[in-house]
Amino acid sequence: MFPQTTIFGERYIRVGSDTMIGANVALSAGMMPGQECLTDPVVSIGNRVLIGRGSGIRSEEHTSELQSH
């Protein structure tokens, strides 16, 4: 498990406008810091998304998308 409030692979993470990310959230693109990923972005979080505290979002080699509905 990753330490909370961890972000790595940030160059491969896109966050949309008006998105709120709660405390102690772990975001990661790739399996370890410094990893070169196959796609860009690896994690795409849409506009007006709320990610609650303590959540974890991780993607390894696929493109992942979270969209507000």
C-alpha atoms as a PDB file:
ATOM      1  CA  MET A   1       0.000   0.000   0.000  1.00  0.00           C
ATOM      2  CA  PHE A   2       1.243   3.483  -0.829  1.00  0.00           C
ATOM      3  CA  PRO A   3       1.705   6.106   1.873  1.00  0.00           C
ATOM      4  CA  GLN A   4      -1.218   8.513   1.909  1.00  0.00           C
ATOM      5  CA  THR A   5      -0.796  11.857   0.188  1.00  0.00           C
ATOM      6  CA  THR A   6       1.488  10.199  -2.359  1.00  0.00           C
ATOM      7  CA  ILE A   7       1.725  11.454  -5.922  1.00  0.00           C
ATOM      8  CA  PHE A   8       4.107  10.016  -8.472  1.00  0.00           C
ATOM      9  CA  GLY A   9       4.216   9.872 -12.237  1.00  0.00           C
ATOM     10  CA  GLU A  10       2.684  13.348 -12.131  1.00  0.00           C
ATOM     11  CA  ARG A  11       3.837  14.112 -15.674  1.00  0.00           C
ATOM     12  CA  TYR A  12       1.378  11.401 -16.802  1.00  0.00           C
ATOM     13  CA  ILE A  13      -1.586  12.637 -14.709  1.00  0.00           C
ATOM     14  CA  ARG A  14      -4.127  15.177 -16.005  1.00  0.00           C
ATOM     15  CA  VAL A  15      -6.648  16.841 -13.685  1.00  0.00           C
ATOM     16  CA  GLY A  16      -9.608  18.738 -15.125  1.00  0.00           C
ATOM     17  CA  SER A  17     -10.848  22.156 -14.077  1.00  0.00           C
ATOM     18  CA  ASP A  18     -12.919  22.650 -10.927  1.00  0.00           C
ATOM     19  CA  THR A  19     -11.825  19.229  -9.610  1.00  0.00           C
ATOM     20  CA  MET A  20     -11.515  18.805  -5.843  1.00  0.00           C
ATOM     21  CA  ILE A  21      -9.067  16.315  -4.327  1.00  0.00           C
ATOM     22  CA  GLY A  22      -9.486  15.562  -0.633  1.00  0.00           C
ATOM     23  CA  ALA A  23      -6.815  15.072   2.008  1.00  0.00           C
ATOM     24  CA  ASN A  24      -4.671  11.933   2.159  1.00  0.00           C
ATOM     25  CA  VAL A  25      -5.284  10.914  -1.468  1.00  0.00           C
ATOM     26  CA  ALA A  26      -2.761   8.741  -3.328  1.00  0.00           C
ATOM     27  CA  LEU A  27      -2.431   9.338  -7.100  1.00  0.00           C
ATOM     28  CA  SER A  28       0.014   7.361  -9.179  1.00  0.00           C
ATOM     29  CA  ALA A  29       0.778   6.730 -12.826  1.00  0.00           C
ATOM     30  CA  GLY A  30       3.098   3.780 -13.168  1.00  0.00           C
ATOM     31  CA  MET A  31       4.321   1.315 -10.586  1.00  0.00           C
ATOM     32  CA  MET A  32       7.222   3.303  -9.115  1.00  0.00           C
ATOM     33  CA  PRO A  33       8.621   6.840  -9.130  1.00  0.00           C
ATOM     34  CA  GLY A  34      10.553   7.658 -12.295  1.00  0.00           C
ATOM     35  CA  GLN A  35       8.993   4.931 -14.432  1.00  0.00           C
ATOM     36  CA  GLU A  36       8.567   5.746 -18.125  1.00  0.00           C
ATOM     37  CA  CYS A  37       4.936   5.059 -19.060  1.00  0.00           C
ATOM     38  CA  LEU A  38       3.694   3.849 -22.441  1.00  0.00           C
ATOM     39  CA  THR A  39       0.876   6.376 -22.848  1.00  0.00           C
ATOM     40  CA  ASP A  40       0.385  10.027 -21.954  1.00  0.00           C
ATOM     41  CA  PRO A  41      -1.757  10.661 -20.005  1.00  0.00           C
ATOM     42  CA  VAL A  42      -1.988   7.450 -18.014  1.00  0.00           C
ATOM     43  CA  VAL A  43      -4.513   8.891 -15.537  1.00  0.00           C
ATOM     44  CA  SER A  44      -7.075  11.438 -16.746  1.00  0.00           C
ATOM     45  CA  ILE A  45      -9.456  12.977 -14.208  1.00  0.00           C
ATOM     46  CA  GLY A  46     -12.258  14.974 -15.813  1.00  0.00           C
ATOM     47  CA  ASN A  47     -13.779  18.363 -14.978  1.00  0.00           C
ATOM     48  CA  ARG A  48     -15.818  18.903 -11.793  1.00  0.00           C
ATOM     49  CA  VAL A  49     -14.800  15.592 -10.199  1.00  0.00           C
ATOM     50  CA  LEU A  50     -14.708  15.141  -6.414  1.00  0.00           C
ATOM     51  CA  ILE A  51     -12.171  12.631  -5.064  1.00  0.00           C
ATOM     52  CA  GLY A  52     -12.864  11.984  -1.386  1.00  0.00           C
ATOM     53  CA  ARG A  53     -10.246  11.894   1.337  1.00  0.00           C
ATOM     54  CA  GLY A  54      -8.253   8.726   1.718  1.00  0.00           C
ATOM     55  CA  SER A  55      -8.927   7.607  -1.869  1.00  0.00           C
ATOM     56  CA  GLY A  56      -6.313   5.918  -4.016  1.00  0.00           C
ATOM     57  CA  ILE A  57      -6.112   6.124  -7.812  1.00  0.00           C
ATOM     58  CA  ARG A  58      -3.455   4.090  -9.569  1.00  0.00           C
ATOM     59  CA  SER A  59      -2.885   3.144 -13.179  1.00  0.00           C
ATOM     60  CA  GLU A  60      -0.016   1.133 -14.562  1.00  0.00           C
ATOM     61  CA  GLU A  61       0.053   0.837 -18.342  1.00  0.00           C
ATOM     62  CA  HIS A  62      -3.508   1.616 -19.404  1.00  0.00           C
ATOM     63  CA  THR A  63      -5.237   4.928 -19.852  1.00  0.00           C
ATOM     64  CA  SER A  64      -7.715   5.466 -17.001  1.00  0.00           C
ATOM     65  CA  GLU A  65     -10.413   8.127 -17.082  1.00  0.00           C
ATOM     66  CA  LEU A  66     -12.691   9.496 -14.383  1.00  0.00           C
ATOM     67  CA  GLN A  67     -15.496  11.699 -15.633  1.00  0.00           C
ATOM     68  CA  SER A  68     -18.204  13.671 -13.896  1.00  0.00           C
ATOM     69  CA  HIS A  69     -21.738  12.796 -15.042  1.00  0.00           C
END
